[in-house]
């Protein structure tokens, strides 16, 4: 057991990494039960370690009820330092491990892209590195890598928190789209001010709350409100196709609908921005081999593949376009038989 003494806190006894780990894991999991499961120990053991830690520090770190668990101010400050210590211990252990063997846990956070190609890449990585314990969390939630304990994240954002390194995987375009039926009924906006009288379909900012602003090509932004919001971009696309309003979405999500006419671009030169999808990971002196291996693998694999439309979506769009063509031909045939133009 590694022992770490915090002389600055004037404790009579040194802290154990087991106590720090129990505390950090509980904060990350937001639950004693989940923390116990992830650590593979009884819940009662977690509780005893937390109690012992608070007793040694002489402060309350967590406020626990039957339904919630929150950090105190002291707990929040201590968590940041505890995470640094635990990361340092991990790095120390890895620095003396045999060579640069790719092994150990690897926690990845990624948005639900629905990409079969990306899924195949992850499976291939796991097959190539059987000693890596891979955990992939697919969610639109904008996770804090340090607090949530993730090693790597795929992030569609131009903003980067301090202490993170980003490597670009793919570039795309965000653009506003709507159905022809919606525009015929509500009119085509000529400028961003016209958006105030339109129904807007909103995504989630940082995966947490409905958007309040859309980006402008000029580099600014415009305030938006709308009756429909979702963190599922494919749902927003289908809502736009159904004529519910205007949405701002990545090109790869709406490309098929633009090609077959189900959607058209709106304010193309004014509303929207160029975006990029990056792989991000914490900046540290020693990057674990499994993290480095994954980052290098996905950076090498991504160009031309990551944002490619998945076969299932492409086939679905082609089938829909085929049905539309058959319907159009059938209508023309019927008109010809009845003598109508």
C-alpha atoms as a PDB file:
ATOM      1  CA  UNK A   1       0.000   0.000   0.000  1.00  0.00           C
ATOM      2  CA  UNK A   2       1.390   3.394  -0.991  1.00  0.00           C
ATOM      3  CA  UNK A   3       1.272   5.882   1.891  1.00  0.00           C
ATOM      4  CA  UNK A   4       1.047   9.622   1.252  1.00  0.00           C
ATOM      5  CA  UNK A   5       1.454  12.210   4.007  1.00  0.00           C
ATOM      6  CA  UNK A   6      -0.127  15.648   3.796  1.00  0.00           C
ATOM      7  CA  UNK A   7       1.986  17.662   6.214  1.00  0.00           C
ATOM      8  CA  UNK A   8       0.205  20.840   5.174  1.00  0.00           C
ATOM      9  CA  UNK A   9      -3.048  19.498   6.651  1.00  0.00           C
ATOM     10  CA  UNK A  10      -1.345  18.610   9.929  1.00  0.00           C
ATOM     11  CA  UNK A  11      -2.790  15.126  10.173  1.00  0.00           C
ATOM     12  CA  UNK A  12      -1.496  12.753  12.787  1.00  0.00           C
ATOM     13  CA  UNK A  13      -1.822   9.784  10.446  1.00  0.00           C
ATOM     14  CA  UNK A  14      -0.918   9.479   6.765  1.00  0.00           C
ATOM     15  CA  UNK A  15      -3.646   9.036   4.176  1.00  0.00           C
ATOM     16  CA  UNK A  16      -3.911   5.784   2.311  1.00  0.00           C
ATOM     17  CA  UNK A  17      -4.464   5.633  -1.425  1.00  0.00           C
ATOM     18  CA  UNK A  18      -7.425   3.328  -0.731  1.00  0.00           C
ATOM     19  CA  UNK A  19      -9.159   6.149   1.135  1.00  0.00           C
ATOM     20  CA  UNK A  20      -8.370   8.688  -1.586  1.00  0.00           C
ATOM     21  CA  UNK A  21      -9.576   6.268  -4.254  1.00  0.00           C
ATOM     22  CA  UNK A  22     -12.812   5.549  -2.374  1.00  0.00           C
ATOM     23  CA  UNK A  23     -13.468   9.284  -2.095  1.00  0.00           C
ATOM     24  CA  UNK A  24     -12.608  10.124  -5.732  1.00  0.00           C
ATOM     25  CA  UNK A  25     -14.574   7.170  -7.114  1.00  0.00           C
ATOM     26  CA  UNK A  26     -17.624   8.107  -5.025  1.00  0.00           C
ATOM     27  CA  UNK A  27     -17.489  11.669  -6.329  1.00  0.00           C
ATOM     28  CA  UNK A  28     -17.094  10.477  -9.940  1.00  0.00           C
ATOM     29  CA  UNK A  29     -19.882   7.896  -9.674  1.00  0.00           C
ATOM     30  CA  UNK A  30     -22.148  10.203  -7.591  1.00  0.00           C
ATOM     31  CA  UNK A  31     -23.140   7.120  -5.620  1.00  0.00           C
ATOM     32  CA  UNK A  32     -21.591   4.906  -2.943  1.00  0.00           C
ATOM     33  CA  UNK A  33     -23.209   1.844  -4.495  1.00  0.00           C
ATOM     34  CA  UNK A  34     -21.875   2.532  -7.991  1.00  0.00           C
ATOM     35  CA  UNK A  35     -18.436   3.344  -6.597  1.00  0.00           C
ATOM     36  CA  UNK A  36     -18.407   0.035  -4.713  1.00  0.00           C
ATOM     37  CA  UNK A  37     -19.338  -1.846  -7.882  1.00  0.00           C
ATOM     38  CA  UNK A  38     -16.624  -0.135  -9.936  1.00  0.00           C
ATOM     39  CA  UNK A  39     -14.010  -0.826  -7.268  1.00  0.00           C
ATOM     40  CA  UNK A  40     -15.249  -4.368  -6.681  1.00  0.00           C
ATOM     41  CA  UNK A  41     -15.604  -3.970  -2.909  1.00  0.00           C
ATOM     42  CA  UNK A  42     -18.590  -3.934  -0.512  1.00  0.00           C
ATOM     43  CA  UNK A  43     -20.529  -0.691  -0.125  1.00  0.00           C
ATOM     44  CA  UNK A  44     -19.889  -0.807   3.622  1.00  0.00           C
ATOM     45  CA  UNK A  45     -16.139  -0.762   2.968  1.00  0.00           C
ATOM     46  CA  UNK A  46     -16.524   2.425   0.903  1.00  0.00           C
ATOM     47  CA  UNK A  47     -18.498   3.993   3.742  1.00  0.00           C
ATOM     48  CA  UNK A  48     -15.859   3.074   6.340  1.00  0.00           C
ATOM     49  CA  UNK A  49     -13.042   4.480   4.210  1.00  0.00           C
ATOM     50  CA  UNK A  50     -14.899   7.749   3.667  1.00  0.00           C
ATOM     51  CA  UNK A  51     -15.653   8.046   7.374  1.00  0.00           C
ATOM     52  CA  UNK A  52     -12.024   7.356   8.256  1.00  0.00           C
ATOM     53  CA  UNK A  53     -10.862   9.943   5.712  1.00  0.00           C
ATOM     54  CA  UNK A  54     -13.182  12.657   7.084  1.00  0.00           C
ATOM     55  CA  UNK A  55     -12.134  11.810  10.639  1.00  0.00           C
ATOM     56  CA  UNK A  56      -8.440  12.149   9.784  1.00  0.00           C
ATOM     57  CA  UNK A  57      -8.980  15.440   7.964  1.00  0.00           C
ATOM     58  CA  UNK A  58     -11.329  16.780  10.591  1.00  0.00           C
ATOM     59  CA  UNK A  59     -13.746  18.157   7.965  1.00  0.00           C
ATOM     60  CA  UNK A  60     -16.911  17.039   6.227  1.00  0.00           C
ATOM     61  CA  UNK A  61     -16.187  16.214   2.578  1.00  0.00           C
ATOM     62  CA  UNK A  62     -19.556  14.859   1.439  1.00  0.00           C
ATOM     63  CA  UNK A  63     -23.148  15.513   2.359  1.00  0.00           C
ATOM     64  CA  UNK A  64     -24.979  12.215   2.004  1.00  0.00           C
ATOM     65  CA  UNK A  65     -28.700  11.498   2.117  1.00  0.00           C
ATOM     66  CA  UNK A  66     -30.697   8.500   0.957  1.00  0.00           C
ATOM     67  CA  UNK A  67     -31.299  10.251  -2.372  1.00  0.00           C
ATOM     68  CA  UNK A  68     -28.346  12.532  -3.032  1.00  0.00           C
ATOM     69  CA  UNK A  69     -24.633  13.008  -2.561  1.00  0.00           C
ATOM     70  CA  UNK A  70     -22.989  16.432  -2.844  1.00  0.00           C
ATOM     71  CA  UNK A  71     -19.534  17.843  -2.193  1.00  0.00           C
ATOM     72  CA  UNK A  72     -18.929  20.418   0.503  1.00  0.00           C
ATOM     73  CA  UNK A  73     -16.639  23.350  -0.249  1.00  0.00           C
ATOM     74  CA  UNK A  74     -13.843  21.534   1.563  1.00  0.00           C
ATOM     75  CA  UNK A  75     -14.659  18.344  -0.329  1.00  0.00           C
ATOM     76  CA  UNK A  76     -14.525  20.114  -3.675  1.00  0.00           C
ATOM     77  CA  UNK A  77     -11.077  21.565  -2.911  1.00  0.00           C
ATOM     78  CA  UNK A  78      -9.817  18.238  -1.575  1.00  0.00           C
ATOM     79  CA  UNK A  79     -11.143  16.331  -4.600  1.00  0.00           C
ATOM     80  CA  UNK A  80      -8.952  18.307  -7.002  1.00  0.00           C
ATOM     81  CA  UNK A  81      -5.853  17.559  -4.955  1.00  0.00           C
ATOM     82  CA  UNK A  82      -6.815  13.916  -4.443  1.00  0.00           C
ATOM     83  CA  UNK A  83      -7.218  13.453  -8.197  1.00  0.00           C
ATOM     84  CA  UNK A  84      -3.730  14.873  -8.786  1.00  0.00           C
ATOM     85  CA  UNK A  85      -2.278  12.469  -6.231  1.00  0.00           C
ATOM     86  CA  UNK A  86      -4.074   9.447  -7.688  1.00  0.00           C
ATOM     87  CA  UNK A  87      -2.943  10.374 -11.207  1.00  0.00           C
ATOM     88  CA  UNK A  88       0.618  10.712  -9.917  1.00  0.00           C
ATOM     89  CA  UNK A  89       0.434   7.252  -8.337  1.00  0.00           C
ATOM     90  CA  UNK A  90      -0.868   5.772 -11.602  1.00  0.00           C
ATOM     91  CA  UNK A  91       1.934   7.427 -13.533  1.00  0.00           C
ATOM     92  CA  UNK A  92       4.542   6.236 -11.033  1.00  0.00           C
ATOM     93  CA  UNK A  93       3.324   2.656 -11.324  1.00  0.00           C
ATOM     94  CA  UNK A  94       3.195   2.844 -15.113  1.00  0.00           C
ATOM     95  CA  UNK A  95       6.704   4.324 -15.308  1.00  0.00           C
ATOM     96  CA  UNK A  96       8.220   1.179 -13.789  1.00  0.00           C
ATOM     97  CA  UNK A  97       5.994  -1.324 -15.579  1.00  0.00           C
ATOM     98  CA  UNK A  98       7.554  -3.592 -18.158  1.00  0.00           C
ATOM     99  CA  UNK A  99       8.445  -1.456 -21.192  1.00  0.00           C
ATOM    100  CA  UNK A 100       5.598   0.266 -22.999  1.00  0.00           C
ATOM    101  CA  UNK A 101       3.226  -2.687 -22.947  1.00  0.00           C
ATOM    102  CA  UNK A 102      -0.306  -1.632 -23.944  1.00  0.00           C
ATOM    103  CA  UNK A 103      -2.405  -2.830 -21.025  1.00  0.00           C
ATOM    104  CA  UNK A 104      -4.669  -1.576 -18.290  1.00  0.00           C
ATOM    105  CA  UNK A 105      -7.982   0.299 -18.143  1.00  0.00           C
ATOM    106  CA  UNK A 106      -9.019   2.707 -20.899  1.00  0.00           C
ATOM    107  CA  UNK A 107     -12.216   4.736 -20.399  1.00  0.00           C
ATOM    108  CA  UNK A 108     -13.535   6.522 -23.491  1.00  0.00           C
ATOM    109  CA  UNK A 109     -16.370   9.045 -23.690  1.00  0.00           C
ATOM    110  CA  UNK A 110     -17.900   9.668 -27.114  1.00  0.00           C
ATOM    111  CA  UNK A 111     -21.096  11.092 -28.600  1.00  0.00           C
ATOM    112  CA  UNK A 112     -23.621   8.596 -29.999  1.00  0.00           C
ATOM    113  CA  UNK A 113     -22.531   9.037 -33.630  1.00  0.00           C
ATOM    114  CA  UNK A 114     -24.215   5.853 -34.847  1.00  0.00           C
ATOM    115  CA  UNK A 115     -21.175   5.139 -37.021  1.00  0.00           C
ATOM    116  CA  UNK A 116     -20.725   1.468 -37.841  1.00  0.00           C
ATOM    117  CA  UNK A 117     -17.224   2.282 -39.112  1.00  0.00           C
ATOM    118  CA  UNK A 118     -16.234   3.736 -35.728  1.00  0.00           C
ATOM    119  CA  UNK A 119     -17.733   0.748 -33.946  1.00  0.00           C
ATOM    120  CA  UNK A 120     -15.651  -1.552 -36.144  1.00  0.00           C
ATOM    121  CA  UNK A 121     -12.532   0.496 -35.345  1.00  0.00           C
ATOM    122  CA  UNK A 122     -13.146   0.122 -31.594  1.00  0.00           C
ATOM    123  CA  UNK A 123     -13.656  -3.617 -31.947  1.00  0.00           C
ATOM    124  CA  UNK A 124     -10.456  -3.917 -33.985  1.00  0.00           C
ATOM    125  CA  UNK A 125      -8.523  -1.932 -31.349  1.00  0.00           C
ATOM    126  CA  UNK A 126      -9.815  -4.249 -28.614  1.00  0.00           C
ATOM    127  CA  UNK A 127      -8.805  -7.301 -30.648  1.00  0.00           C
ATOM    128  CA  UNK A 128      -5.332  -5.883 -31.270  1.00  0.00           C
ATOM    129  CA  UNK A 129      -4.822  -5.067 -27.569  1.00  0.00           C
ATOM    130  CA  UNK A 130      -6.456  -7.859 -25.525  1.00  0.00           C
ATOM    131  CA  UNK A 131      -4.776  -6.677 -22.301  1.00  0.00           C
ATOM    132  CA  UNK A 132      -6.573  -3.334 -22.436  1.00  0.00           C
ATOM    133  CA  UNK A 133      -9.748  -3.171 -20.351  1.00  0.00           C
ATOM    134  CA  UNK A 134     -11.876  -1.033 -22.655  1.00  0.00           C
ATOM    135  CA  UNK A 135     -14.900   0.894 -21.396  1.00  0.00           C
ATOM    136  CA  UNK A 136     -16.803   3.035 -23.932  1.00  0.00           C
ATOM    137  CA  UNK A 137     -19.455   5.469 -22.683  1.00  0.00           C
ATOM    138  CA  UNK A 138     -21.634   6.766 -25.554  1.00  0.00           C
ATOM    139  CA  UNK A 139     -23.552   9.856 -24.501  1.00  0.00           C
ATOM    140  CA  UNK A 140     -24.156  13.428 -25.595  1.00  0.00           C
ATOM    141  CA  UNK A 141     -23.215  14.527 -22.061  1.00  0.00           C
ATOM    142  CA  UNK A 142     -20.232  16.881 -22.033  1.00  0.00           C
ATOM    143  CA  UNK A 143     -18.068  15.082 -19.487  1.00  0.00           C
ATOM    144  CA  UNK A 144     -15.302  16.556 -17.363  1.00  0.00           C
ATOM    145  CA  UNK A 145     -12.460  14.125 -18.042  1.00  0.00           C
ATOM    146  CA  UNK A 146     -10.699  14.888 -14.776  1.00  0.00           C
ATOM    147  CA  UNK A 147     -13.727  14.615 -12.510  1.00  0.00           C
ATOM    148  CA  UNK A 148     -15.452  11.748 -14.318  1.00  0.00           C
ATOM    149  CA  UNK A 149     -12.295   9.660 -14.586  1.00  0.00           C
ATOM    150  CA  UNK A 150     -12.230   9.300 -18.386  1.00  0.00           C
ATOM    151  CA  UNK A 151      -8.933   8.857 -20.212  1.00  0.00           C
ATOM    152  CA  UNK A 152     -10.065   9.992 -23.671  1.00  0.00           C
ATOM    153  CA  UNK A 153     -13.079  11.720 -25.211  1.00  0.00           C
ATOM    154  CA  UNK A 154     -14.328  12.394 -28.728  1.00  0.00           C
ATOM    155  CA  UNK A 155     -15.603  15.934 -28.749  1.00  0.00           C
ATOM    156  CA  UNK A 156     -17.324  18.040 -31.401  1.00  0.00           C
ATOM    157  CA  UNK A 157     -16.291  21.448 -30.105  1.00  0.00           C
ATOM    158  CA  UNK A 158     -13.872  24.264 -30.774  1.00  0.00           C
ATOM    159  CA  UNK A 159     -13.662  25.074 -27.062  1.00  0.00           C
ATOM    160  CA  UNK A 160     -11.100  23.279 -24.933  1.00  0.00           C
ATOM    161  CA  UNK A 161     -10.807  23.349 -21.164  1.00  0.00           C
ATOM    162  CA  UNK A 162      -7.385  24.040 -19.614  1.00  0.00           C
ATOM    163  CA  UNK A 163      -5.286  20.945 -19.077  1.00  0.00           C
ATOM    164  CA  UNK A 164      -6.487  19.054 -22.145  1.00  0.00           C
ATOM    165  CA  UNK A 165      -4.751  18.168 -25.401  1.00  0.00           C
ATOM    166  CA  UNK A 166      -6.796  17.930 -28.620  1.00  0.00           C
ATOM    167  CA  UNK A 167      -5.962  16.239 -31.904  1.00  0.00           C
ATOM    168  CA  UNK A 168      -8.294  16.881 -34.831  1.00  0.00           C
ATOM    169  CA  UNK A 169      -9.971  13.825 -36.346  1.00  0.00           C
ATOM    170  CA  UNK A 170     -12.341  15.348 -38.898  1.00  0.00           C
ATOM    171  CA  UNK A 171     -13.783  18.653 -40.022  1.00  0.00           C
ATOM    172  CA  UNK A 172     -17.384  19.327 -40.956  1.00  0.00           C
ATOM    173  CA  UNK A 173     -19.894  22.133 -41.477  1.00  0.00           C
ATOM    174  CA  UNK A 174     -22.820  23.159 -39.308  1.00  0.00           C
ATOM    175  CA  UNK A 175     -25.667  24.557 -41.388  1.00  0.00           C
ATOM    176  CA  UNK A 176     -29.312  25.515 -40.979  1.00  0.00           C
ATOM    177  CA  UNK A 177     -31.885  23.355 -42.754  1.00  0.00           C
ATOM    178  CA  UNK A 178     -35.651  23.111 -43.110  1.00  0.00           C
ATOM    179  CA  UNK A 179     -38.160  21.252 -45.251  1.00  0.00           C
ATOM    180  CA  UNK A 180     -39.648  22.806 -48.377  1.00  0.00           C
ATOM    181  CA  UNK A 181     -43.112  22.359 -46.878  1.00  0.00           C
ATOM    182  CA  UNK A 182     -42.190  24.283 -43.737  1.00  0.00           C
ATOM    183  CA  UNK A 183     -40.669  27.141 -45.743  1.00  0.00           C
ATOM    184  CA  UNK A 184     -43.676  27.275 -48.062  1.00  0.00           C
ATOM    185  CA  UNK A 185     -45.951  27.692 -45.045  1.00  0.00           C
ATOM    186  CA  UNK A 186     -43.803  30.001 -42.883  1.00  0.00           C
ATOM    187  CA  UNK A 187     -41.677  31.788 -45.453  1.00  0.00           C
ATOM    188  CA  UNK A 188     -37.947  31.725 -46.181  1.00  0.00           C
ATOM    189  CA  UNK A 189     -35.916  33.801 -43.687  1.00  0.00           C
ATOM    190  CA  UNK A 190     -33.894  36.524 -45.398  1.00  0.00           C
ATOM    191  CA  UNK A 191     -31.735  37.352 -42.363  1.00  0.00           C
ATOM    192  CA  UNK A 192     -31.106  36.206 -38.804  1.00  0.00           C
ATOM    193  CA  UNK A 193     -33.668  38.688 -37.440  1.00  0.00           C
ATOM    194  CA  UNK A 194     -36.353  36.741 -39.291  1.00  0.00           C
ATOM    195  CA  UNK A 195     -35.601  33.712 -37.079  1.00  0.00           C
ATOM    196  CA  UNK A 196     -37.637  35.328 -34.295  1.00  0.00           C
ATOM    197  CA  UNK A 197     -40.859  34.499 -36.153  1.00  0.00           C
ATOM    198  CA  UNK A 198     -39.841  30.947 -37.007  1.00  0.00           C
ATOM    199  CA  UNK A 199     -40.062  27.645 -35.150  1.00  0.00           C
ATOM    200  CA  UNK A 200     -36.533  26.614 -34.202  1.00  0.00           C
ATOM    201  CA  UNK A 201     -35.385  23.077 -33.411  1.00  0.00           C
ATOM    202  CA  UNK A 202     -32.614  23.247 -30.819  1.00  0.00           C
ATOM    203  CA  UNK A 203     -29.773  20.936 -29.940  1.00  0.00           C
ATOM    204  CA  UNK A 204     -28.116  20.821 -26.534  1.00  0.00           C
ATOM    205  CA  UNK A 205     -25.191  23.094 -25.650  1.00  0.00           C
ATOM    206  CA  UNK A 206     -22.329  20.976 -24.271  1.00  0.00           C
ATOM    207  CA  UNK A 207     -24.821  18.115 -24.048  1.00  0.00           C
ATOM    208  CA  UNK A 208     -26.415  19.660 -20.948  1.00  0.00           C
ATOM    209  CA  UNK A 209     -29.082  22.278 -21.714  1.00  0.00           C
ATOM    210  CA  UNK A 210     -30.997  23.398 -24.829  1.00  0.00           C
ATOM    211  CA  UNK A 211     -29.073  25.856 -26.969  1.00  0.00           C
ATOM    212  CA  UNK A 212     -29.659  29.558 -26.455  1.00  0.00           C
ATOM    213  CA  UNK A 213     -27.441  30.702 -29.366  1.00  0.00           C
ATOM    214  CA  UNK A 214     -26.611  29.612 -32.895  1.00  0.00           C
ATOM    215  CA  UNK A 215     -23.258  30.426 -34.551  1.00  0.00           C
ATOM    216  CA  UNK A 216     -22.871  32.962 -37.351  1.00  0.00           C
ATOM    217  CA  UNK A 217     -20.408  32.784 -40.234  1.00  0.00           C
ATOM    218  CA  UNK A 218     -19.139  36.188 -39.164  1.00  0.00           C
ATOM    219  CA  UNK A 219     -17.918  34.686 -35.910  1.00  0.00           C
ATOM    220  CA  UNK A 220     -20.733  36.047 -33.770  1.00  0.00           C
ATOM    221  CA  UNK A 221     -23.886  34.344 -32.583  1.00  0.00           C
ATOM    222  CA  UNK A 222     -27.626  34.897 -32.551  1.00  0.00           C
ATOM    223  CA  UNK A 223     -30.007  34.280 -29.652  1.00  0.00           C
ATOM    224  CA  UNK A 224     -32.508  31.481 -30.316  1.00  0.00           C
ATOM    225  CA  UNK A 225     -35.571  30.003 -28.642  1.00  0.00           C
ATOM    226  CA  UNK A 226     -37.752  27.181 -29.835  1.00  0.00           C
ATOM    227  CA  UNK A 227     -40.549  24.747 -28.999  1.00  0.00           C
ATOM    228  CA  UNK A 228     -38.525  21.584 -29.695  1.00  0.00           C
ATOM    229  CA  UNK A 229     -35.158  20.565 -28.231  1.00  0.00           C
ATOM    230  CA  UNK A 230     -33.182  17.333 -28.178  1.00  0.00           C
ATOM    231  CA  UNK A 231     -29.624  16.136 -27.677  1.00  0.00           C
ATOM    232  CA  UNK A 232     -30.254  13.536 -30.411  1.00  0.00           C
ATOM    233  CA  UNK A 233     -29.183  15.132 -33.693  1.00  0.00           C
ATOM    234  CA  UNK A 234     -30.853  12.445 -35.813  1.00  0.00           C
ATOM    235  CA  UNK A 235     -34.156  13.216 -34.068  1.00  0.00           C
ATOM    236  CA  UNK A 236     -33.678  16.912 -34.868  1.00  0.00           C
ATOM    237  CA  UNK A 237     -33.081  15.990 -38.517  1.00  0.00           C
ATOM    238  CA  UNK A 238     -36.281  13.947 -38.669  1.00  0.00           C
ATOM    239  CA  UNK A 239     -38.201  16.766 -36.968  1.00  0.00           C
ATOM    240  CA  UNK A 240     -36.919  19.162 -39.637  1.00  0.00           C
ATOM    241  CA  UNK A 241     -37.841  16.716 -42.416  1.00  0.00           C
ATOM    242  CA  UNK A 242     -41.342  16.468 -40.903  1.00  0.00           C
ATOM    243  CA  UNK A 243     -41.723  20.247 -41.222  1.00  0.00           C
ATOM    244  CA  UNK A 244     -41.529  21.146 -37.528  1.00  0.00           C
ATOM    245  CA  UNK A 245     -39.048  23.973 -38.045  1.00  0.00           C
ATOM    246  CA  UNK A 246     -35.456  25.035 -38.750  1.00  0.00           C
ATOM    247  CA  UNK A 247     -32.489  23.148 -37.280  1.00  0.00           C
ATOM    248  CA  UNK A 248     -28.721  23.689 -37.303  1.00  0.00           C
ATOM    249  CA  UNK A 249     -27.018  20.339 -37.854  1.00  0.00           C
ATOM    250  CA  UNK A 250     -23.735  18.820 -39.084  1.00  0.00           C
ATOM    251  CA  UNK A 251     -23.493  18.314 -42.834  1.00  0.00           C
ATOM    252  CA  UNK A 252     -22.904  14.560 -42.520  1.00  0.00           C
ATOM    253  CA  UNK A 253     -26.243  14.200 -40.691  1.00  0.00           C
ATOM    254  CA  UNK A 254     -28.318  16.039 -43.305  1.00  0.00           C
ATOM    255  CA  UNK A 255     -26.363  15.314 -46.512  1.00  0.00           C
ATOM    256  CA  UNK A 256     -28.707  12.595 -47.741  1.00  0.00           C
ATOM    257  CA  UNK A 257     -31.817  14.661 -47.009  1.00  0.00           C
ATOM    258  CA  UNK A 258     -30.344  17.633 -48.876  1.00  0.00           C
ATOM    259  CA  UNK A 259     -29.518  15.486 -51.901  1.00  0.00           C
ATOM    260  CA  UNK A 260     -33.013  14.029 -52.242  1.00  0.00           C
ATOM    261  CA  UNK A 261     -34.785  17.311 -51.494  1.00  0.00           C
ATOM    262  CA  UNK A 262     -36.331  16.461 -48.143  1.00  0.00           C
ATOM    263  CA  UNK A 263     -34.365  19.375 -46.666  1.00  0.00           C
ATOM    264  CA  UNK A 264     -32.945  22.605 -48.074  1.00  0.00           C
ATOM    265  CA  UNK A 265     -30.271  24.897 -46.657  1.00  0.00           C
ATOM    266  CA  UNK A 266     -31.362  28.140 -45.009  1.00  0.00           C
ATOM    267  CA  UNK A 267     -29.224  31.291 -44.656  1.00  0.00           C
ATOM    268  CA  UNK A 268     -26.256  29.253 -45.905  1.00  0.00           C
ATOM    269  CA  UNK A 269     -23.863  32.209 -46.096  1.00  0.00           C
ATOM    270  CA  UNK A 270     -24.942  33.719 -42.775  1.00  0.00           C
ATOM    271  CA  UNK A 271     -25.907  31.018 -40.277  1.00  0.00           C
ATOM    272  CA  UNK A 272     -23.606  28.155 -39.283  1.00  0.00           C
ATOM    273  CA  UNK A 273     -19.919  27.509 -38.859  1.00  0.00           C
ATOM    274  CA  UNK A 274     -17.114  25.108 -39.609  1.00  0.00           C
ATOM    275  CA  UNK A 275     -16.683  22.531 -36.879  1.00  0.00           C
ATOM    276  CA  UNK A 276     -14.238  19.824 -36.018  1.00  0.00           C
ATOM    277  CA  UNK A 277     -14.357  16.527 -34.183  1.00  0.00           C
ATOM    278  CA  UNK A 278     -11.336  15.947 -31.975  1.00  0.00           C
ATOM    279  CA  UNK A 279      -9.949  13.340 -29.635  1.00  0.00           C
ATOM    280  CA  UNK A 280      -9.025  14.977 -26.329  1.00  0.00           C
ATOM    281  CA  UNK A 281      -7.118  13.673 -23.332  1.00  0.00           C
ATOM    282  CA  UNK A 282      -5.635  15.154 -20.151  1.00  0.00           C
ATOM    283  CA  UNK A 283      -2.287  16.861 -20.463  1.00  0.00           C
ATOM    284  CA  UNK A 284       0.231  15.136 -18.226  1.00  0.00           C
ATOM    285  CA  UNK A 285       3.905  14.368 -18.074  1.00  0.00           C
ATOM    286  CA  UNK A 286       3.380  10.659 -18.631  1.00  0.00           C
ATOM    287  CA  UNK A 287       0.659   9.459 -21.009  1.00  0.00           C
ATOM    288  CA  UNK A 288      -0.221   5.812 -20.300  1.00  0.00           C
ATOM    289  CA  UNK A 289       0.650   3.479 -23.203  1.00  0.00           C
ATOM    290  CA  UNK A 290      -2.966   2.400 -23.718  1.00  0.00           C
ATOM    291  CA  UNK A 291      -4.079   6.035 -24.039  1.00  0.00           C
ATOM    292  CA  UNK A 292      -1.275   6.857 -26.450  1.00  0.00           C
ATOM    293  CA  UNK A 293      -2.017   3.718 -28.489  1.00  0.00           C
ATOM    294  CA  UNK A 294      -5.709   4.564 -28.819  1.00  0.00           C
ATOM    295  CA  UNK A 295      -5.115   8.223 -29.707  1.00  0.00           C
ATOM    296  CA  UNK A 296      -2.561   7.275 -32.358  1.00  0.00           C
ATOM    297  CA  UNK A 297      -4.869   4.565 -33.734  1.00  0.00           C
ATOM    298  CA  UNK A 298      -7.947   6.759 -34.106  1.00  0.00           C
ATOM    299  CA  UNK A 299      -5.970   9.719 -35.524  1.00  0.00           C
ATOM    300  CA  UNK A 300      -4.532   7.397 -38.195  1.00  0.00           C
ATOM    301  CA  UNK A 301      -7.905   5.788 -38.913  1.00  0.00           C
ATOM    302  CA  UNK A 302     -10.261   8.808 -38.869  1.00  0.00           C
ATOM    303  CA  UNK A 303      -9.529  10.764 -42.113  1.00  0.00           C
ATOM    304  CA  UNK A 304     -12.283  10.080 -44.639  1.00  0.00           C
ATOM    305  CA  UNK A 305     -13.969   7.531 -42.375  1.00  0.00           C
ATOM    306  CA  UNK A 306     -15.208   9.083 -39.145  1.00  0.00           C
ATOM    307  CA  UNK A 307     -17.815  11.407 -40.648  1.00  0.00           C
ATOM    308  CA  UNK A 308     -18.703   9.146 -43.555  1.00  0.00           C
ATOM    309  CA  UNK A 309     -22.373   8.310 -43.650  1.00  0.00           C
ATOM    310  CA  UNK A 310     -22.988   4.866 -42.190  1.00  0.00           C
ATOM    311  CA  UNK A 311     -24.211   2.156 -44.612  1.00  0.00           C
ATOM    312  CA  UNK A 312     -27.487   1.821 -42.724  1.00  0.00           C
ATOM    313  CA  UNK A 313     -28.273   5.528 -43.016  1.00  0.00           C
ATOM    314  CA  UNK A 314     -27.088   5.663 -46.634  1.00  0.00           C
ATOM    315  CA  UNK A 315     -29.173   2.628 -47.604  1.00  0.00           C
ATOM    316  CA  UNK A 316     -32.184   4.080 -45.793  1.00  0.00           C
ATOM    317  CA  UNK A 317     -31.823   7.366 -47.666  1.00  0.00           C
ATOM    318  CA  UNK A 318     -31.437   5.533 -50.982  1.00  0.00           C
ATOM    319  CA  UNK A 319     -34.518   3.418 -50.292  1.00  0.00           C
ATOM    320  CA  UNK A 320     -36.513   6.533 -49.394  1.00  0.00           C
ATOM    321  CA  UNK A 321     -35.326   8.295 -52.562  1.00  0.00           C
ATOM    322  CA  UNK A 322     -36.288   5.210 -54.581  1.00  0.00           C
ATOM    323  CA  UNK A 323     -39.779   5.214 -53.084  1.00  0.00           C
ATOM    324  CA  UNK A 324     -40.134   8.921 -53.885  1.00  0.00           C
ATOM    325  CA  UNK A 325     -39.081   8.305 -57.513  1.00  0.00           C
ATOM    326  CA  UNK A 326     -41.574   5.423 -57.850  1.00  0.00           C
ATOM    327  CA  UNK A 327     -44.312   7.568 -56.366  1.00  0.00           C
ATOM    328  CA  UNK A 328     -43.491  10.386 -58.803  1.00  0.00           C
ATOM    329  CA  UNK A 329     -43.485   8.037 -61.803  1.00  0.00           C
ATOM    330  CA  UNK A 330     -46.757   6.470 -60.661  1.00  0.00           C
ATOM    331  CA  UNK A 331     -48.361   9.911 -60.396  1.00  0.00           C
ATOM    332  CA  UNK A 332     -47.173  10.850 -63.915  1.00  0.00           C
ATOM    333  CA  UNK A 333     -48.502   7.539 -65.273  1.00  0.00           C
ATOM    334  CA  UNK A 334     -51.896   8.079 -63.662  1.00  0.00           C
ATOM    335  CA  UNK A 335     -52.127  11.599 -65.050  1.00  0.00           C
ATOM    336  CA  UNK A 336     -51.203  10.358 -68.530  1.00  0.00           C
ATOM    337  CA  UNK A 337     -53.939   7.705 -68.448  1.00  0.00           C
ATOM    338  CA  UNK A 338     -56.572  10.184 -67.339  1.00  0.00           C
ATOM    339  CA  UNK A 339     -55.432  12.763 -69.887  1.00  0.00           C
ATOM    340  CA  UNK A 340     -54.333  15.284 -67.286  1.00  0.00           C
ATOM    341  CA  UNK A 341     -51.104  17.242 -67.718  1.00  0.00           C
END
